[in-house]
Amino acid sequence: MWTILTKPAEAITKAKREKDLGKSMLVLLVAVLIFGLDVLLFSGAVYRSGFGSAFLAGILAAIMFFIGIIILGFLLQVGLHVLTGHDDFFSSVTPLAYSWLVLACGMLIATILGLIPTFIGPLLGVLVMLPTLVLFHVVFIKGIIELYETDLLTAIVAVFIVYTAISMALTWGTAFYGLRSISELLKAVLSGSLQPPMGVTPF
């Protein structure tokens, strides 16, 4: 697993050769746990939360992170199946697991460095996150190219389509909720059930 962080290209090639979904899920689980630890430290340090609240935030973040990656892997599988004709959940979840392990480790180091007083801590955190984010995206795209045996353009198009679909779905959900809330408010006003507070008149 250390190879994913130090030699990601070799790790991806090895994963392609082994095709071990269990190992990829283990990598994802480790990434989830590291991400939860990062949220725990961040909640405790920045928001001054007690250990119980910070621990709960870390657990919830880890669970949501795990579910989100699985859903994202499924969406990526659907998109790449149409683009490449290759239908394999392993090939979609492995690039996600490997790249998010890189991101989770980088975020953990950046968070720990950010605890250093004055501006030095946040500055060191930013310096850690910059190469981490670059490596995160490179490992993700490289994993798709290798495991799906496709080209760079197809990989980028697939990722763009998935991210666009997620953005549109979230926008639709937000708009639908907002319109429903406005509709209910108008119904309450028109029916007279929405009354001003005691002692307050509209004029």
C-alpha atoms as a PDB file:
ATOM      1  CA  MET A   1       0.000   0.000   0.000  1.00  0.00           C
ATOM      2  CA  TRP A   2       2.968   2.286   0.633  1.00  0.00           C
ATOM      3  CA  THR A   3       3.799   1.927  -3.075  1.00  0.00           C
ATOM      4  CA  ILE A   4       0.615   3.816  -3.950  1.00  0.00           C
ATOM      5  CA  LEU A   5       2.070   6.900  -2.272  1.00  0.00           C
ATOM      6  CA  THR A   6       5.684   6.552  -3.381  1.00  0.00           C
ATOM      7  CA  LYS A   7       5.373   4.863  -6.784  1.00  0.00           C
ATOM      8  CA  PRO A   8       1.742   5.235  -7.901  1.00  0.00           C
ATOM      9  CA  ALA A   9       2.410   4.270 -11.540  1.00  0.00           C
ATOM     10  CA  GLU A  10       3.898   0.940 -10.458  1.00  0.00           C
ATOM     11  CA  ALA A  11       1.029   0.382  -8.030  1.00  0.00           C
ATOM     12  CA  ILE A  12      -1.532   0.930 -10.790  1.00  0.00           C
ATOM     13  CA  THR A  13       0.314  -1.446 -13.122  1.00  0.00           C
ATOM     14  CA  LYS A  14       0.399  -4.074 -10.383  1.00  0.00           C
ATOM     15  CA  ALA A  15      -3.320  -3.610  -9.697  1.00  0.00           C
ATOM     16  CA  LYS A  16      -4.042  -4.058 -13.395  1.00  0.00           C
ATOM     17  CA  ARG A  17      -2.117  -7.315 -13.382  1.00  0.00           C
ATOM     18  CA  GLU A  18      -3.670  -8.705 -10.187  1.00  0.00           C
ATOM     19  CA  LYS A  19      -7.280  -7.449 -10.663  1.00  0.00           C
ATOM     20  CA  ASP A  20      -7.957  -7.877  -6.943  1.00  0.00           C
ATOM     21  CA  LEU A  21     -11.174  -6.039  -6.021  1.00  0.00           C
ATOM     22  CA  GLY A  22     -10.717  -6.993  -2.361  1.00  0.00           C
ATOM     23  CA  LYS A  23      -7.375  -5.199  -2.231  1.00  0.00           C
ATOM     24  CA  SER A  24      -8.861  -2.099  -3.852  1.00  0.00           C
ATOM     25  CA  MET A  25     -11.680  -2.079  -1.288  1.00  0.00           C
ATOM     26  CA  LEU A  26      -9.079  -2.420   1.483  1.00  0.00           C
ATOM     27  CA  VAL A  27      -7.235   0.595   0.093  1.00  0.00           C
ATOM     28  CA  LEU A  28     -10.517   2.485   0.035  1.00  0.00           C
ATOM     29  CA  LEU A  29     -11.226   1.469   3.630  1.00  0.00           C
ATOM     30  CA  VAL A  30      -7.816   2.759   4.749  1.00  0.00           C
ATOM     31  CA  ALA A  31      -8.443   6.017   2.874  1.00  0.00           C
ATOM     32  CA  VAL A  32     -11.825   6.304   4.599  1.00  0.00           C
ATOM     33  CA  LEU A  33     -10.283   5.806   8.046  1.00  0.00           C
ATOM     34  CA  ILE A  34      -7.541   8.369   7.367  1.00  0.00           C
ATOM     35  CA  PHE A  35     -10.128  10.839   6.092  1.00  0.00           C
ATOM     36  CA  GLY A  36     -12.226  10.290   9.228  1.00  0.00           C
ATOM     37  CA  LEU A  37      -9.143  10.904  11.393  1.00  0.00           C
ATOM     38  CA  ASP A  38      -8.464  14.088   9.463  1.00  0.00           C
ATOM     39  CA  VAL A  39     -12.021  15.334  10.120  1.00  0.00           C
ATOM     40  CA  LEU A  40     -11.658  14.393  13.798  1.00  0.00           C
ATOM     41  CA  LEU A  41      -8.452  16.442  14.154  1.00  0.00           C
ATOM     42  CA  PHE A  42      -9.876  19.334  12.142  1.00  0.00           C
ATOM     43  CA  SER A  43     -13.106  19.440  14.175  1.00  0.00           C
ATOM     44  CA  GLY A  44     -11.235  19.339  17.459  1.00  0.00           C
ATOM     45  CA  ALA A  45      -8.633  21.940  16.518  1.00  0.00           C
ATOM     46  CA  VAL A  46     -10.618  24.462  14.482  1.00  0.00           C
ATOM     47  CA  TYR A  47     -14.099  24.236  16.002  1.00  0.00           C
ATOM     48  CA  ARG A  48     -12.863  23.342  19.513  1.00  0.00           C
ATOM     49  CA  SER A  49     -15.276  20.420  19.607  1.00  0.00           C
ATOM     50  CA  GLY A  50     -15.111  17.934  22.439  1.00  0.00           C
ATOM     51  CA  PHE A  51     -13.663  14.511  21.725  1.00  0.00           C
ATOM     52  CA  GLY A  52     -17.120  12.936  21.517  1.00  0.00           C
ATOM     53  CA  SER A  53     -18.410  15.441  18.974  1.00  0.00           C
ATOM     54  CA  ALA A  54     -15.193  15.341  16.960  1.00  0.00           C
ATOM     55  CA  PHE A  55     -15.176  11.527  16.984  1.00  0.00           C
ATOM     56  CA  LEU A  56     -18.799  11.423  15.804  1.00  0.00           C
ATOM     57  CA  ALA A  57     -17.996  13.906  13.034  1.00  0.00           C
ATOM     58  CA  GLY A  58     -15.092  11.721  11.929  1.00  0.00           C
ATOM     59  CA  ILE A  59     -17.223   8.560  11.871  1.00  0.00           C
ATOM     60  CA  LEU A  60     -20.031  10.231   9.913  1.00  0.00           C
ATOM     61  CA  ALA A  61     -17.557  11.756   7.453  1.00  0.00           C
ATOM     62  CA  ALA A  62     -15.900   8.372   6.906  1.00  0.00           C
ATOM     63  CA  ILE A  63     -19.238   6.654   6.256  1.00  0.00           C
ATOM     64  CA  MET A  64     -20.403   9.372   3.857  1.00  0.00           C
ATOM     65  CA  PHE A  65     -17.019   9.305   2.143  1.00  0.00           C
ATOM     66  CA  PHE A  66     -17.185   5.544   1.634  1.00  0.00           C
ATOM     67  CA  ILE A  67     -20.743   5.625   0.272  1.00  0.00           C
ATOM     68  CA  GLY A  68     -19.904   8.564  -1.980  1.00  0.00           C
ATOM     69  CA  ILE A  69     -16.885   6.798  -3.499  1.00  0.00           C
ATOM     70  CA  ILE A  70     -18.926   3.657  -4.189  1.00  0.00           C
ATOM     71  CA  ILE A  71     -21.614   5.725  -5.927  1.00  0.00           C
ATOM     72  CA  LEU A  72     -18.983   7.665  -7.861  1.00  0.00           C
ATOM     73  CA  GLY A  73     -17.377   4.388  -8.915  1.00  0.00           C
ATOM     74  CA  PHE A  74     -20.694   3.118 -10.234  1.00  0.00           C
ATOM     75  CA  LEU A  75     -21.302   6.338 -12.196  1.00  0.00           C
ATOM     76  CA  LEU A  76     -17.797   6.181 -13.623  1.00  0.00           C
ATOM     77  CA  GLN A  77     -18.376   2.562 -14.619  1.00  0.00           C
ATOM     78  CA  VAL A  78     -21.575   3.495 -16.468  1.00  0.00           C
ATOM     79  CA  GLY A  79     -19.904   6.354 -18.344  1.00  0.00           C
ATOM     80  CA  LEU A  80     -16.783   4.426 -19.303  1.00  0.00           C
ATOM     81  CA  HIS A  81     -18.805   1.399 -20.336  1.00  0.00           C
ATOM     82  CA  VAL A  82     -20.506   3.522 -22.993  1.00  0.00           C
ATOM     83  CA  LEU A  83     -17.264   5.223 -24.065  1.00  0.00           C
ATOM     84  CA  THR A  84     -14.952   2.197 -24.078  1.00  0.00           C
ATOM     85  CA  GLY A  85     -17.208  -0.859 -24.081  1.00  0.00           C
ATOM     86  CA  HIS A  86     -15.378  -2.098 -20.984  1.00  0.00           C
ATOM     87  CA  ASP A  87     -17.747  -2.844 -18.075  1.00  0.00           C
ATOM     88  CA  ASP A  88     -15.853  -3.533 -14.844  1.00  0.00           C
ATOM     89  CA  PHE A  89     -16.490  -2.091 -11.378  1.00  0.00           C
ATOM     90  CA  PHE A  90     -12.935  -2.958 -10.319  1.00  0.00           C
ATOM     91  CA  SER A  91     -11.512  -0.745 -13.062  1.00  0.00           C
ATOM     92  CA  SER A  92     -13.606   2.216 -11.921  1.00  0.00           C
ATOM     93  CA  VAL A  93     -13.297   1.931  -8.140  1.00  0.00           C
ATOM     94  CA  THR A  94      -9.540   1.225  -8.087  1.00  0.00           C
ATOM     95  CA  PRO A  95      -8.454   4.613  -9.529  1.00  0.00           C
ATOM     96  CA  LEU A  96     -10.807   6.258  -7.025  1.00  0.00           C
ATOM     97  CA  ALA A  97      -9.455   4.272  -4.082  1.00  0.00           C
ATOM     98  CA  TYR A  98      -5.806   4.865  -4.979  1.00  0.00           C
ATOM     99  CA  SER A  99      -6.210   8.577  -5.708  1.00  0.00           C
ATOM    100  CA  TRP A 100      -8.307   9.230  -2.600  1.00  0.00           C
ATOM    101  CA  LEU A 101      -5.734   7.438  -0.443  1.00  0.00           C
ATOM    102  CA  VAL A 102      -3.174   9.934  -1.737  1.00  0.00           C
ATOM    103  CA  LEU A 103      -5.532  12.831  -1.002  1.00  0.00           C
ATOM    104  CA  ALA A 104      -6.466  11.567   2.468  1.00  0.00           C
ATOM    105  CA  CYS A 105      -2.815  11.158   3.497  1.00  0.00           C
ATOM    106  CA  GLY A 106      -1.908  14.587   2.158  1.00  0.00           C
ATOM    107  CA  MET A 107      -4.857  16.192   3.947  1.00  0.00           C
ATOM    108  CA  LEU A 108      -3.883  14.487   7.214  1.00  0.00           C
ATOM    109  CA  ILE A 109      -0.310  15.789   7.014  1.00  0.00           C
ATOM    110  CA  ALA A 110      -1.550  19.266   6.046  1.00  0.00           C
ATOM    111  CA  THR A 111      -4.009  19.294   8.967  1.00  0.00           C
ATOM    112  CA  ILE A 112      -1.329  18.274  11.459  1.00  0.00           C
ATOM    113  CA  LEU A 113       1.037  20.944  10.123  1.00  0.00           C
ATOM    114  CA  GLY A 114      -1.801  23.461  10.242  1.00  0.00           C
ATOM    115  CA  LEU A 115      -1.915  23.062  14.017  1.00  0.00           C
ATOM    116  CA  ILE A 116       1.446  24.832  14.290  1.00  0.00           C
ATOM    117  CA  PRO A 117       0.847  28.331  15.738  1.00  0.00           C
ATOM    118  CA  THR A 118       1.047  31.532  13.688  1.00  0.00           C
ATOM    119  CA  PHE A 119       1.037  31.587   9.900  1.00  0.00           C
ATOM    120  CA  ILE A 120       3.744  28.939   9.592  1.00  0.00           C
ATOM    121  CA  GLY A 121       1.322  26.051  10.123  1.00  0.00           C
ATOM    122  CA  PRO A 122      -1.263  27.005   7.473  1.00  0.00           C
ATOM    123  CA  LEU A 123       1.553  27.906   5.061  1.00  0.00           C
ATOM    124  CA  LEU A 124       3.149  24.485   5.444  1.00  0.00           C
ATOM    125  CA  GLY A 125      -0.294  22.907   5.035  1.00  0.00           C
ATOM    126  CA  VAL A 126      -0.800  24.708   1.719  1.00  0.00           C
ATOM    127  CA  LEU A 127       2.658  23.645   0.530  1.00  0.00           C
ATOM    128  CA  VAL A 128       1.730  20.029   1.279  1.00  0.00           C
ATOM    129  CA  MET A 129      -1.700  20.227  -0.348  1.00  0.00           C
ATOM    130  CA  LEU A 130      -0.445  21.639  -3.655  1.00  0.00           C
ATOM    131  CA  PRO A 131       1.551  18.549  -4.731  1.00  0.00           C
ATOM    132  CA  THR A 132      -1.038  16.319  -3.065  1.00  0.00           C
ATOM    133  CA  LEU A 133      -3.827  17.674  -5.263  1.00  0.00           C
ATOM    134  CA  VAL A 134      -1.670  17.339  -8.372  1.00  0.00           C
ATOM    135  CA  LEU A 135      -0.827  13.734  -7.508  1.00  0.00           C
ATOM    136  CA  PHE A 136      -4.483  13.026  -6.662  1.00  0.00           C
ATOM    137  CA  HIS A 137      -5.689  14.011 -10.129  1.00  0.00           C
ATOM    138  CA  VAL A 138      -2.763  12.365 -11.922  1.00  0.00           C
ATOM    139  CA  VAL A 139      -3.253   9.034 -10.141  1.00  0.00           C
ATOM    140  CA  PHE A 140      -6.989   9.148 -10.829  1.00  0.00           C
ATOM    141  CA  ILE A 141      -6.609   9.788 -14.559  1.00  0.00           C
ATOM    142  CA  LYS A 142      -3.640   7.422 -14.899  1.00  0.00           C
ATOM    143  CA  GLY A 143      -5.637   4.665 -13.209  1.00  0.00           C
ATOM    144  CA  ILE A 144      -8.532   5.084 -15.630  1.00  0.00           C
ATOM    145  CA  ILE A 145      -6.221   5.057 -18.646  1.00  0.00           C
ATOM    146  CA  GLU A 146      -4.389   1.911 -17.533  1.00  0.00           C
ATOM    147  CA  LEU A 147      -7.280  -0.157 -16.173  1.00  0.00           C
ATOM    148  CA  TYR A 148      -9.702   0.711 -18.954  1.00  0.00           C
ATOM    149  CA  GLU A 149      -6.939   0.601 -21.568  1.00  0.00           C
ATOM    150  CA  THR A 150      -8.095   3.855 -23.072  1.00  0.00           C
ATOM    151  CA  ASP A 151      -6.551   7.205 -23.990  1.00  0.00           C
ATOM    152  CA  LEU A 152      -6.166  10.428 -22.036  1.00  0.00           C
ATOM    153  CA  LEU A 153      -8.950  12.277 -23.862  1.00  0.00           C
ATOM    154  CA  THR A 154     -11.510   9.537 -23.194  1.00  0.00           C
ATOM    155  CA  ALA A 155     -10.560   9.427 -19.519  1.00  0.00           C
ATOM    156  CA  ILE A 156     -10.909  13.203 -19.156  1.00  0.00           C
ATOM    157  CA  VAL A 157     -14.241  13.209 -21.014  1.00  0.00           C
ATOM    158  CA  ALA A 158     -15.592  10.426 -18.770  1.00  0.00           C
ATOM    159  CA  VAL A 159     -14.568  12.255 -15.587  1.00  0.00           C
ATOM    160  CA  PHE A 160     -16.018  15.509 -16.918  1.00  0.00           C
ATOM    161  CA  ILE A 161     -19.328  13.823 -17.753  1.00  0.00           C
ATOM    162  CA  VAL A 162     -19.600  12.248 -14.296  1.00  0.00           C
ATOM    163  CA  TYR A 163     -18.759  15.488 -12.483  1.00  0.00           C
ATOM    164  CA  THR A 164     -21.191  17.428 -14.693  1.00  0.00           C
ATOM    165  CA  ALA A 165     -23.950  14.884 -14.012  1.00  0.00           C
ATOM    166  CA  ILE A 166     -23.383  15.182 -10.256  1.00  0.00           C
ATOM    167  CA  SER A 167     -23.433  18.994 -10.441  1.00  0.00           C
ATOM    168  CA  MET A 168     -26.640  18.994 -12.487  1.00  0.00           C
ATOM    169  CA  ALA A 169     -28.321  16.518 -10.134  1.00  0.00           C
ATOM    170  CA  LEU A 170     -27.408  18.614  -7.085  1.00  0.00           C
ATOM    171  CA  THR A 171     -28.604  21.775  -8.850  1.00  0.00           C
ATOM    172  CA  TRP A 172     -31.903  20.100  -9.752  1.00  0.00           C
ATOM    173  CA  GLY A 173     -32.372  18.839  -6.194  1.00  0.00           C
ATOM    174  CA  THR A 174     -31.663  22.283  -4.730  1.00  0.00           C
ATOM    175  CA  ALA A 175     -33.992  23.994  -7.202  1.00  0.00           C
ATOM    176  CA  PHE A 176     -36.760  21.438  -6.610  1.00  0.00           C
ATOM    177  CA  TYR A 177     -36.510  21.851  -2.831  1.00  0.00           C
ATOM    178  CA  GLY A 178     -36.499  25.636  -3.153  1.00  0.00           C
ATOM    179  CA  LEU A 179     -39.548  25.706  -5.444  1.00  0.00           C
ATOM    180  CA  ARG A 180     -41.438  23.334  -3.138  1.00  0.00           C
ATOM    181  CA  SER A 181     -40.652  25.510  -0.134  1.00  0.00           C
ATOM    182  CA  ILE A 182     -41.841  28.625  -1.980  1.00  0.00           C
ATOM    183  CA  SER A 183     -45.004  26.813  -3.071  1.00  0.00           C
ATOM    184  CA  GLU A 184     -45.798  25.754   0.493  1.00  0.00           C
ATOM    185  CA  LEU A 185     -45.162  29.301   1.732  1.00  0.00           C
ATOM    186  CA  LEU A 186     -47.509  30.769  -0.880  1.00  0.00           C
ATOM    187  CA  LYS A 187     -50.205  28.229   0.013  1.00  0.00           C
ATOM    188  CA  ALA A 188     -49.875  29.151   3.672  1.00  0.00           C
ATOM    189  CA  VAL A 189     -50.138  32.872   2.884  1.00  0.00           C
ATOM    190  CA  LEU A 190     -53.139  32.477   0.564  1.00  0.00           C
ATOM    191  CA  SER A 191     -54.994  30.210   2.971  1.00  0.00           C
ATOM    192  CA  GLY A 192     -54.424  32.619   5.836  1.00  0.00           C
ATOM    193  CA  SER A 193     -52.720  29.988   7.986  1.00  0.00           C
ATOM    194  CA  LEU A 194     -49.547  32.060   8.119  1.00  0.00           C
ATOM    195  CA  GLN A 195     -50.268  34.670  10.775  1.00  0.00           C
ATOM    196  CA  PRO A 196     -48.003  37.467  11.978  1.00  0.00           C
ATOM    197  CA  PRO A 197     -46.647  37.232  15.542  1.00  0.00           C
ATOM    198  CA  MET A 198     -48.815  38.401  18.451  1.00  0.00           C
ATOM    199  CA  GLY A 199     -49.037  42.182  18.578  1.00  0.00           C
ATOM    200  CA  VAL A 200     -47.560  42.672  15.120  1.00  0.00           C
ATOM    201  CA  THR A 201     -49.754  44.022  12.318  1.00  0.00           C
ATOM    202  CA  PRO A 202     -48.838  44.298   8.644  1.00  0.00           C
ATOM    203  CA  PHE A 203     -49.626  48.046   8.643  1.00  0.00           C
END
